[in-house]
Amino acid sequence: MTNVLFYEKPGCRNNIRQKAMLELSGHVVETVDLLQYSWSKEELDEFLGEKPVAECFNPAAPAIKSGEIDPLRFTKEEAIAIMIQEPLLIKRPLMKIGSHYIQGFDTTELRNLISLDAVQGAEDVIKSFKMSDMDSCPHNNNNNFSCKNPEQ
């Protein structure tokens, strides 16, 4: 059992599934509202790590989907500044597991840190999750949903 600090957008469908997978694998998940959290540059930088800056943006954010914001045009410092102003732009979830900072729900990366095997009795539920689809957002494929709506 591991404690996972999980920064989410409340009501996000994928964040709900991701948290369920962690909990059904026996981990304790403490959630933080990513949109209301007071981010510092240093703390957000820890989560973004060394990834290319464009990969740190939430591709389902309305400003990105509309083309208003082009993630390729930002330095890391500029990206952090705009994400602090508009946290909906941050690719989620953000997770802190021990001393590890993770952005996105990469099951390969997570398996290197913690078990994602179901606890006894939860095997069928875990199997029902599409493992390859735990990090993509349905908003990218379906224009009926919006990241502005806190219930989706």
N, C-alpha and C. Protein backbone atom coordinates (compact mmCIF):
# COMPACT_ATOMS: atom_id res chain seq x y z
N MET A 1 0.84 -1.18 0.00
CA MET A 1 0.00 0.00 0.00
C MET A 1 0.88 1.24 0.00
N THR A 2 0.55 2.15 -0.90
CA THR A 2 1.31 3.38 -1.06
C THR A 2 0.36 4.57 -0.98
N ASN A 3 0.84 5.66 -0.42
CA ASN A 3 0.06 6.90 -0.41
C ASN A 3 0.35 7.67 -1.70
N VAL A 4 -0.73 8.08 -2.37
CA VAL A 4 -0.62 8.82 -3.62
C VAL A 4 -1.33 10.16 -3.45
N LEU A 5 -0.60 11.24 -3.62
CA LEU A 5 -1.20 12.57 -3.63
C LEU A 5 -1.59 12.82 -5.08
N PHE A 6 -2.88 12.97 -5.33
CA PHE A 6 -3.46 12.97 -6.68
C PHE A 6 -4.12 14.30 -6.95
N TYR A 7 -3.51 15.10 -7.84
CA TYR A 7 -4.06 16.41 -8.22
C TYR A 7 -4.98 16.19 -9.42
N GLU A 8 -6.24 16.55 -9.25
CA GLU A 8 -7.27 16.25 -10.25
C GLU A 8 -8.13 17.47 -10.54
N LYS A 9 -8.90 17.33 -11.63
CA LYS A 9 -10.01 18.24 -11.86
C LYS A 9 -11.24 17.49 -11.36
N PRO A 10 -11.86 17.97 -10.30
CA PRO A 10 -13.03 17.25 -9.76
C PRO A 10 -14.08 17.00 -10.84
N GLY A 11 -14.57 15.77 -10.88
CA GLY A 11 -15.59 15.39 -11.84
C GLY A 11 -15.05 14.88 -13.16
N CYS A 12 -13.76 15.00 -13.42
CA CYS A 12 -13.16 14.53 -14.67
C CYS A 12 -13.32 13.01 -14.75
N ARG A 13 -13.89 12.53 -15.84
CA ARG A 13 -14.13 11.10 -16.01
C ARG A 13 -12.86 10.27 -15.90
N ASN A 14 -11.82 10.69 -16.59
CA ASN A 14 -10.58 9.91 -16.54
C ASN A 14 -9.96 9.96 -15.16
N ASN A 15 -9.98 11.11 -14.49
CA ASN A 15 -9.43 11.17 -13.15
C ASN A 15 -10.18 10.24 -12.21
N ILE A 16 -11.48 10.11 -12.38
CA ILE A 16 -12.28 9.19 -11.55
C ILE A 16 -11.82 7.76 -11.78
N ARG A 17 -11.65 7.37 -13.04
CA ARG A 17 -11.19 6.00 -13.36
C ARG A 17 -9.78 5.76 -12.85
N GLN A 18 -8.91 6.75 -13.01
CA GLN A 18 -7.52 6.62 -12.59
C GLN A 18 -7.42 6.44 -11.08
N LYS A 19 -8.18 7.24 -10.34
CA LYS A 19 -8.18 7.10 -8.87
C LYS A 19 -8.73 5.73 -8.47
N ALA A 20 -9.79 5.29 -9.15
CA ALA A 20 -10.37 3.98 -8.83
C ALA A 20 -9.35 2.88 -9.05
N MET A 21 -8.61 2.96 -10.13
CA MET A 21 -7.59 1.94 -10.40
C MET A 21 -6.55 1.91 -9.28
N LEU A 22 -6.11 3.08 -8.85
CA LEU A 22 -5.13 3.14 -7.76
C LEU A 22 -5.71 2.56 -6.47
N GLU A 23 -6.94 2.95 -6.15
CA GLU A 23 -7.57 2.46 -4.91
C GLU A 23 -7.83 0.97 -4.97
N LEU A 24 -8.28 0.46 -6.13
CA LEU A 24 -8.55 -0.96 -6.28
C LEU A 24 -7.27 -1.78 -6.32
N SER A 25 -6.14 -1.09 -6.46
CA SER A 25 -4.84 -1.75 -6.38
C SER A 25 -4.27 -1.67 -4.96
N GLY A 26 -5.07 -1.15 -4.05
CA GLY A 26 -4.69 -1.13 -2.64
C GLY A 26 -4.00 0.13 -2.15
N HIS A 27 -3.97 1.16 -2.95
CA HIS A 27 -3.27 2.38 -2.56
C HIS A 27 -4.24 3.38 -1.92
N VAL A 28 -3.68 4.25 -1.09
CA VAL A 28 -4.45 5.31 -0.46
C VAL A 28 -4.28 6.56 -1.32
N VAL A 29 -5.40 7.08 -1.82
CA VAL A 29 -5.35 8.24 -2.71
C VAL A 29 -5.91 9.46 -1.99
N GLU A 30 -5.07 10.48 -1.87
CA GLU A 30 -5.51 11.76 -1.30
C GLU A 30 -5.64 12.73 -2.47
N THR A 31 -6.84 13.28 -2.66
CA THR A 31 -7.07 14.14 -3.82
C THR A 31 -6.93 15.62 -3.46
N VAL A 32 -6.46 16.36 -4.46
CA VAL A 32 -6.32 17.81 -4.36
C VAL A 32 -6.93 18.38 -5.64
N ASP A 33 -7.73 19.42 -5.50
CA ASP A 33 -8.32 20.09 -6.65
C ASP A 33 -7.24 20.88 -7.37
N LEU A 34 -6.83 20.39 -8.53
CA LEU A 34 -5.76 21.01 -9.31
C LEU A 34 -6.12 22.44 -9.71
N LEU A 35 -7.40 22.71 -9.90
CA LEU A 35 -7.84 24.03 -10.36
C LEU A 35 -7.84 25.08 -9.25
N GLN A 36 -7.97 24.64 -7.99
CA GLN A 36 -8.03 25.56 -6.86
C GLN A 36 -6.71 25.67 -6.10
N TYR A 37 -5.80 24.76 -6.36
CA TYR A 37 -4.53 24.70 -5.64
C TYR A 37 -3.68 25.92 -5.98
N SER A 38 -2.98 26.46 -5.00
CA SER A 38 -2.09 27.61 -5.22
C SER A 38 -0.71 27.09 -5.61
N TRP A 39 -0.46 27.07 -6.92
CA TRP A 39 0.79 26.54 -7.44
C TRP A 39 1.92 27.53 -7.32
N SER A 40 3.11 27.03 -6.99
CA SER A 40 4.32 27.82 -7.10
C SER A 40 5.05 27.37 -8.37
N LYS A 41 5.89 28.22 -8.90
CA LYS A 41 6.66 27.86 -10.10
C LYS A 41 7.51 26.62 -9.83
N GLU A 42 8.14 26.58 -8.67
CA GLU A 42 9.04 25.48 -8.34
C GLU A 42 8.29 24.16 -8.23
N GLU A 43 7.13 24.19 -7.60
CA GLU A 43 6.37 22.95 -7.41
C GLU A 43 5.84 22.42 -8.74
N LEU A 44 5.27 23.29 -9.56
CA LEU A 44 4.75 22.84 -10.85
C LEU A 44 5.90 22.33 -11.73
N ASP A 45 7.04 22.98 -11.65
CA ASP A 45 8.21 22.54 -12.41
C ASP A 45 8.60 21.11 -12.05
N GLU A 46 8.47 20.72 -10.80
CA GLU A 46 8.79 19.35 -10.37
C GLU A 46 7.92 18.34 -11.13
N PHE A 47 6.65 18.65 -11.29
CA PHE A 47 5.74 17.73 -11.97
C PHE A 47 6.01 17.66 -13.47
N LEU A 48 6.37 18.79 -14.07
CA LEU A 48 6.59 18.81 -15.51
C LEU A 48 7.88 18.10 -15.89
N GLY A 49 8.86 18.13 -15.00
CA GLY A 49 10.09 17.39 -15.23
C GLY A 49 10.82 17.82 -16.48
N GLU A 50 11.37 16.84 -17.19
CA GLU A 50 12.20 17.10 -18.37
C GLU A 50 11.45 16.84 -19.68
N LYS A 51 10.14 16.63 -19.61
CA LYS A 51 9.36 16.38 -20.83
C LYS A 51 9.39 17.60 -21.75
N PRO A 52 9.20 17.37 -23.05
CA PRO A 52 9.02 18.53 -23.94
C PRO A 52 7.83 19.36 -23.44
N VAL A 53 7.97 20.65 -23.50
CA VAL A 53 6.97 21.57 -22.95
C VAL A 53 5.58 21.30 -23.52
N ALA A 54 5.47 21.07 -24.80
CA ALA A 54 4.16 20.86 -25.43
C ALA A 54 3.43 19.67 -24.84
N GLU A 55 4.15 18.66 -24.37
CA GLU A 55 3.53 17.47 -23.78
C GLU A 55 2.99 17.72 -22.38
N CYS A 56 3.30 18.84 -21.79
CA CYS A 56 2.85 19.17 -20.44
C CYS A 56 1.49 19.86 -20.43
N PHE A 57 1.01 20.24 -21.61
CA PHE A 57 -0.28 20.90 -21.73
C PHE A 57 -1.40 19.87 -21.88
N ASN A 58 -2.56 20.21 -21.38
CA ASN A 58 -3.76 19.38 -21.51
C ASN A 58 -4.34 19.61 -22.91
N PRO A 59 -4.23 18.62 -23.81
CA PRO A 59 -4.71 18.83 -25.18
C PRO A 59 -6.23 19.01 -25.26
N ALA A 60 -6.96 18.66 -24.19
CA ALA A 60 -8.41 18.81 -24.19
C ALA A 60 -8.87 20.16 -23.64
N ALA A 61 -7.93 20.99 -23.18
CA ALA A 61 -8.31 22.31 -22.67
C ALA A 61 -8.92 23.13 -23.82
N PRO A 62 -10.03 23.80 -23.56
CA PRO A 62 -10.71 24.55 -24.62
C PRO A 62 -9.80 25.53 -25.38
N ALA A 63 -8.91 26.22 -24.67
CA ALA A 63 -8.04 27.19 -25.34
C ALA A 63 -7.04 26.51 -26.28
N ILE A 64 -6.70 25.28 -25.99
CA ILE A 64 -5.79 24.54 -26.86
C ILE A 64 -6.56 23.93 -28.02
N LYS A 65 -7.72 23.34 -27.73
CA LYS A 65 -8.53 22.75 -28.80
C LYS A 65 -8.95 23.79 -29.83
N SER A 66 -9.21 25.01 -29.38
CA SER A 66 -9.66 26.07 -30.29
C SER A 66 -8.50 26.68 -31.08
N GLY A 67 -7.27 26.41 -30.66
CA GLY A 67 -6.11 27.00 -31.32
C GLY A 67 -5.71 28.34 -30.74
N GLU A 68 -6.44 28.81 -29.74
CA GLU A 68 -6.11 30.09 -29.10
C GLU A 68 -4.71 30.03 -28.47
N ILE A 69 -4.36 28.86 -27.91
CA ILE A 69 -3.04 28.65 -27.32
C ILE A 69 -2.35 27.52 -28.06
N ASP A 70 -1.13 27.78 -28.50
CA ASP A 70 -0.32 26.77 -29.18
C ASP A 70 0.80 26.34 -28.24
N PRO A 71 0.72 25.12 -27.69
CA PRO A 71 1.73 24.66 -26.73
C PRO A 71 3.16 24.66 -27.26
N LEU A 72 3.32 24.64 -28.57
CA LEU A 72 4.66 24.61 -29.17
C LEU A 72 5.36 25.96 -29.09
N ARG A 73 4.63 26.99 -28.73
CA ARG A 73 5.21 28.35 -28.77
C ARG A 73 5.77 28.81 -27.43
N PHE A 74 5.78 27.93 -26.41
CA PHE A 74 6.16 28.36 -25.07
C PHE A 74 7.50 27.77 -24.64
N THR A 75 8.27 28.59 -23.93
CA THR A 75 9.42 28.04 -23.19
C THR A 75 8.84 27.38 -21.94
N LYS A 76 9.64 26.64 -21.25
CA LYS A 76 9.15 26.00 -20.03
C LYS A 76 8.71 27.04 -19.00
N GLU A 77 9.48 28.08 -18.85
CA GLU A 77 9.14 29.14 -17.88
C GLU A 77 7.82 29.82 -18.24
N GLU A 78 7.63 30.09 -19.54
CA GLU A 78 6.37 30.71 -19.99
C GLU A 78 5.20 29.75 -19.78
N ALA A 79 5.41 28.47 -20.06
CA ALA A 79 4.35 27.47 -19.88
C ALA A 79 3.93 27.39 -18.42
N ILE A 80 4.90 27.35 -17.53
CA ILE A 80 4.58 27.30 -16.10
C ILE A 80 3.79 28.53 -15.68
N ALA A 81 4.19 29.69 -16.15
CA ALA A 81 3.49 30.94 -15.78
C ALA A 81 2.04 30.91 -16.26
N ILE A 82 1.80 30.48 -17.49
CA ILE A 82 0.42 30.48 -18.00
C ILE A 82 -0.41 29.38 -17.34
N MET A 83 0.23 28.26 -16.99
CA MET A 83 -0.49 27.18 -16.31
C MET A 83 -0.88 27.58 -14.89
N ILE A 84 -0.05 28.38 -14.25
CA ILE A 84 -0.41 28.87 -12.91
C ILE A 84 -1.61 29.80 -13.01
N GLN A 85 -1.65 30.61 -14.06
CA GLN A 85 -2.79 31.52 -14.27
C GLN A 85 -4.04 30.75 -14.66
N GLU A 86 -3.88 29.70 -15.47
CA GLU A 86 -5.02 28.92 -15.99
C GLU A 86 -4.71 27.43 -15.82
N PRO A 87 -4.97 26.89 -14.62
CA PRO A 87 -4.61 25.49 -14.34
C PRO A 87 -5.31 24.46 -15.23
N LEU A 88 -6.36 24.83 -15.90
CA LEU A 88 -7.03 23.91 -16.82
C LEU A 88 -6.08 23.51 -17.96
N LEU A 89 -5.04 24.29 -18.18
CA LEU A 89 -4.06 23.99 -19.23
C LEU A 89 -3.09 22.87 -18.83
N ILE A 90 -3.05 22.52 -17.55
CA ILE A 90 -2.11 21.51 -17.07
C ILE A 90 -2.62 20.11 -17.42
N LYS A 91 -1.77 19.33 -18.07
CA LYS A 91 -2.12 17.93 -18.33
C LYS A 91 -2.22 17.23 -16.98
N ARG A 92 -3.28 16.46 -16.81
CA ARG A 92 -3.50 15.80 -15.53
C ARG A 92 -3.64 14.30 -15.72
N PRO A 93 -3.59 13.58 -14.63
CA PRO A 93 -3.40 14.03 -13.25
C PRO A 93 -1.93 14.35 -12.98
N LEU A 94 -1.73 15.04 -11.90
CA LEU A 94 -0.40 15.18 -11.32
C LEU A 94 -0.41 14.30 -10.08
N MET A 95 0.65 13.54 -9.88
CA MET A 95 0.71 12.65 -8.72
C MET A 95 2.06 12.78 -8.05
N LYS A 96 2.04 12.76 -6.73
CA LYS A 96 3.26 12.69 -5.95
C LYS A 96 3.21 11.36 -5.21
N ILE A 97 4.19 10.53 -5.49
CA ILE A 97 4.29 9.22 -4.86
C ILE A 97 5.67 9.15 -4.23
N GLY A 98 5.70 9.25 -2.91
CA GLY A 98 6.99 9.34 -2.23
C GLY A 98 7.70 10.60 -2.69
N SER A 99 8.91 10.44 -3.22
CA SER A 99 9.67 11.59 -3.70
C SER A 99 9.55 11.75 -5.22
N HIS A 100 8.65 10.99 -5.84
CA HIS A 100 8.47 11.03 -7.29
C HIS A 100 7.31 11.93 -7.68
N TYR A 101 7.54 12.77 -8.68
CA TYR A 101 6.53 13.66 -9.22
C TYR A 101 6.18 13.17 -10.62
N ILE A 102 4.89 12.95 -10.87
CA ILE A 102 4.45 12.37 -12.14
C ILE A 102 3.35 13.23 -12.73
N GLN A 103 3.43 13.45 -14.04
CA GLN A 103 2.36 14.12 -14.77
C GLN A 103 1.80 13.13 -15.78
N GLY A 104 0.48 12.97 -15.78
CA GLY A 104 -0.17 12.01 -16.66
C GLY A 104 -0.25 10.65 -15.99
N PHE A 105 -1.08 9.78 -16.55
CA PHE A 105 -1.30 8.45 -15.96
C PHE A 105 -0.67 7.40 -16.87
N ASP A 106 0.65 7.38 -16.88
CA ASP A 106 1.41 6.42 -17.68
C ASP A 106 1.54 5.14 -16.85
N THR A 107 0.80 4.09 -17.23
CA THR A 107 0.79 2.86 -16.42
C THR A 107 2.17 2.21 -16.38
N THR A 108 2.97 2.35 -17.43
CA THR A 108 4.32 1.78 -17.41
C THR A 108 5.16 2.47 -16.36
N GLU A 109 5.13 3.79 -16.35
CA GLU A 109 5.88 4.55 -15.35
C GLU A 109 5.39 4.23 -13.94
N LEU A 110 4.06 4.15 -13.78
CA LEU A 110 3.51 3.85 -12.46
C LEU A 110 3.91 2.46 -11.99
N ARG A 111 3.88 1.48 -12.88
CA ARG A 111 4.26 0.11 -12.51
C ARG A 111 5.71 0.01 -12.06
N ASN A 112 6.55 0.93 -12.50
CA ASN A 112 7.93 0.96 -12.02
C ASN A 112 8.03 1.47 -10.59
N LEU A 113 6.99 2.12 -10.12
CA LEU A 113 6.98 2.68 -8.77
C LEU A 113 6.10 1.90 -7.80
N ILE A 114 4.91 1.51 -8.28
CA ILE A 114 3.92 0.88 -7.41
C ILE A 114 3.23 -0.25 -8.16
N SER A 115 2.54 -1.07 -7.42
CA SER A 115 1.76 -2.14 -8.04
C SER A 115 0.43 -1.58 -8.55
N LEU A 116 0.03 -2.04 -9.73
CA LEU A 116 -1.30 -1.72 -10.24
C LEU A 116 -2.14 -3.00 -10.33
N ASP A 117 -1.71 -4.04 -9.60
CA ASP A 117 -2.47 -5.29 -9.56
C ASP A 117 -3.63 -5.13 -8.58
N ALA A 118 -4.77 -5.67 -8.98
CA ALA A 118 -5.98 -5.54 -8.17
C ALA A 118 -5.84 -6.28 -6.85
N VAL A 119 -6.41 -5.67 -5.81
CA VAL A 119 -6.52 -6.38 -4.54
C VAL A 119 -7.57 -7.47 -4.70
N GLN A 120 -7.54 -8.44 -3.82
CA GLN A 120 -8.48 -9.55 -3.93
C GLN A 120 -9.92 -9.05 -3.98
N GLY A 121 -10.66 -9.53 -4.96
CA GLY A 121 -12.05 -9.15 -5.14
C GLY A 121 -12.26 -8.03 -6.13
N ALA A 122 -11.19 -7.36 -6.51
CA ALA A 122 -11.33 -6.23 -7.44
C ALA A 122 -10.76 -6.55 -8.82
N GLU A 123 -10.39 -7.80 -9.05
CA GLU A 123 -9.74 -8.18 -10.31
C GLU A 123 -10.60 -7.86 -11.53
N ASP A 124 -11.89 -8.19 -11.48
CA ASP A 124 -12.76 -7.96 -12.64
C ASP A 124 -12.93 -6.48 -12.95
N VAL A 125 -12.98 -5.66 -11.91
CA VAL A 125 -13.12 -4.22 -12.13
C VAL A 125 -11.87 -3.68 -12.80
N ILE A 126 -10.70 -4.05 -12.30
CA ILE A 126 -9.44 -3.59 -12.89
C ILE A 126 -9.34 -4.06 -14.34
N LYS A 127 -9.72 -5.28 -14.63
CA LYS A 127 -9.66 -5.80 -16.00
C LYS A 127 -10.59 -5.02 -16.93
N SER A 128 -11.67 -4.47 -16.38
CA SER A 128 -12.62 -3.75 -17.21
C SER A 128 -12.07 -2.40 -17.68
N PHE A 129 -11.06 -1.87 -17.00
CA PHE A 129 -10.43 -0.63 -17.43
C PHE A 129 -9.58 -0.92 -18.64
N LYS A 130 -9.66 -0.08 -19.64
CA LYS A 130 -8.79 -0.24 -20.81
C LYS A 130 -7.45 0.37 -20.45
N MET A 131 -6.50 -0.49 -20.16
CA MET A 131 -5.19 -0.04 -19.68
C MET A 131 -4.53 0.96 -20.64
N SER A 132 -4.68 0.76 -21.92
CA SER A 132 -4.02 1.66 -22.86
C SER A 132 -4.73 3.00 -22.98
N ASP A 133 -5.89 3.12 -22.37
CA ASP A 133 -6.70 4.33 -22.52
C ASP A 133 -6.79 5.12 -21.22
N MET A 134 -5.94 4.85 -20.26
CA MET A 134 -6.05 5.51 -18.96
C MET A 134 -5.52 6.95 -18.97
N ASP A 135 -4.80 7.34 -20.01
CA ASP A 135 -4.23 8.68 -20.03
C ASP A 135 -4.87 9.58 -21.07
N SER A 136 -5.59 9.01 -22.04
CA SER A 136 -6.21 9.86 -23.06
C SER A 136 -7.53 10.42 -22.54
N CYS A 137 -7.93 11.50 -23.13
CA CYS A 137 -9.13 12.19 -22.67
C CYS A 137 -10.24 12.05 -23.71
N PRO A 138 -11.45 11.66 -23.28
CA PRO A 138 -12.54 11.56 -24.24
C PRO A 138 -12.90 12.89 -24.87
N HIS A 139 -12.48 14.00 -24.27
CA HIS A 139 -12.79 15.32 -24.83
C HIS A 139 -12.10 15.53 -26.17
N ASN A 140 -10.99 14.83 -26.40
CA ASN A 140 -10.29 15.00 -27.66
C ASN A 140 -11.08 14.42 -28.83
N ASN A 141 -11.94 13.45 -28.57
CA ASN A 141 -12.66 12.77 -29.63
C ASN A 141 -14.14 13.09 -29.67
N ASN A 142 -14.62 13.83 -28.70
CA ASN A 142 -16.05 14.06 -28.61
C ASN A 142 -16.28 15.52 -28.22
N ASN A 143 -16.79 16.29 -29.12
CA ASN A 143 -16.99 17.72 -28.86
C ASN A 143 -18.18 18.02 -27.95
N ASN A 144 -18.88 16.99 -27.48
CA ASN A 144 -19.99 17.23 -26.57
C ASN A 144 -19.51 17.50 -25.15
N PHE A 145 -18.25 17.27 -24.88
CA PHE A 145 -17.71 17.46 -23.54
C PHE A 145 -16.78 18.66 -23.53
N SER A 146 -16.65 19.26 -22.38
CA SER A 146 -15.77 20.40 -22.25
C SER A 146 -15.08 20.36 -20.91
N CYS A 147 -13.80 20.71 -20.89
CA CYS A 147 -13.07 20.78 -19.63
C CYS A 147 -13.56 21.93 -18.76
N LYS A 148 -14.37 22.82 -19.34
CA LYS A 148 -14.91 23.92 -18.53
C LYS A 148 -16.00 23.43 -17.60
N ASN A 149 -16.64 22.33 -17.95
CA ASN A 149 -17.73 21.79 -17.15
C ASN A 149 -17.12 20.95 -16.03
N PRO A 150 -17.29 21.32 -14.76
CA PRO A 150 -16.68 20.58 -13.67
C PRO A 150 -17.23 19.17 -13.48
N GLU A 151 -18.33 18.85 -14.15
CA GLU A 151 -18.92 17.52 -13.99
C GLU A 151 -18.40 16.54 -15.02
N GLN A 152 -17.48 16.95 -15.90
CA GLN A 152 -17.00 16.04 -16.96
C GLN A 152 -15.51 15.89 -16.91
